């Protein structure tokens, strides 16, 4: 008889060792190495069906006709746009997020409204629990089949009988394959189940959507190879204190990786947000200081972002620097630029920055909006509500150009703003009616324009 192969596997990074040791040499984590059985005599679950016997052959690339297998369009426009225009046949999508953020709700809504036959597999809930959520969400429910199962072999048997057009697995950490003798959610189980589902998806051209858990650090749980195996990795983000959710693309082999989808959570499920700028800009007092509006671009979608700032005298010895939704290191850099290049003494001031709506912005195009909000609070002077900012600030205090400036200006003009502040180096800008363009090359001139008439 052939003996099963075993190894000591790190549960954080999936590094294998021949013997147990306290610390993993790769990820430097302690007490994460456990003994696991790598393989048994059991065959692959997908090898038992007739599709696995079909052999493939090389095809000349210019003879491949993509029109025979178009993308599968769901009824969820935000989801389709984020993944590049619909699900590609034979693709595998992994979506992760915090517990309770709405991953299962989103995919159940897509399953209920799909025109294709969908098999929704849940290893965490019973079919009765799923039915209760489906009744609350609504939808046509004509093509959605529900299965509460964790054994991979049984799942493939149901798939062969049903022949769905889309398979949803909630979640990959709950599946168990008979090929390996280890508990669910272990490194070996996740890798084995994902590999067999990937083989099934590629051979049958049925797309598979997986829900994945995340760790306390915010990373997708399981081996790193899980993210390499799938075609698309989506992250469903949001603050529990706010009603809106963001669907971001981390990896996409068939579309852009810079798109985001915005939803709003209600009692009856998630609704798509057609005008996110109105959602992200709060209704503030027109006489308040410390506010500035910037424009960021996620993929092809421009978003108006409201930046709030508070500058006050430091009560304690060390001034505080706090930011929510904005990189704290970049905030420190912008404050250093103001002190070195412009002459503002902020060394004895507390500075607090908040991006309203709970959204996180990484693009440097809102640098100017952050600086203007800080100076507005510093001077206790208001910035005109009809003014919008879109520029990056360099270390020498120069106003740097940002890409896609035309769609930023058009978004501001569409939302009723009358003045747009930008870099002078954005020269090839078409004239847009009903909005004034103020261009500058130095931060000092912008400050003088708004605060030192």
Foldseek 3Di string as FASTA:
>chain_A
DDDFDKWWAFQFARDTDRDDDQADPPPRDGPRTDMWTQFDPDDALVVVDPLVPDDDDDDDPVPDDCVVFDAFDFPDVLVCVQQARHHGQLAEEEEEEAPPLAPVLVVLQRQQAGPWQEEEEEQPDDPVVSVVLCVLQDHNNPRYHYHHDAELNVVVVVCVVPVTQEYEYHALQRHAYPGIDDHGNGQSRSVSSLVSVSVVRNSSSRYYYHYFYADPVGHTGYHPVSVVSGAWYWYWDDDPVAFKIKIATPHHPNHDRQAIFMWGQDSNGTDGDPQVQVVQDDDDDQLFALWAWEWDDRPNDIHIWIKGKAKAFDPDDFAAQEEQQEDSVVVVLLVVLCCPQVNDPRRRIHMYMYTGPRHHDYDQQCSLRNVRSHVRNVVVGHDHPLEYETFHADNNQWTHADPPVAVRVVVSVVVPRAEYEGAPVPPPHDDDPRHHYHHDTGPNVVCCVGPND
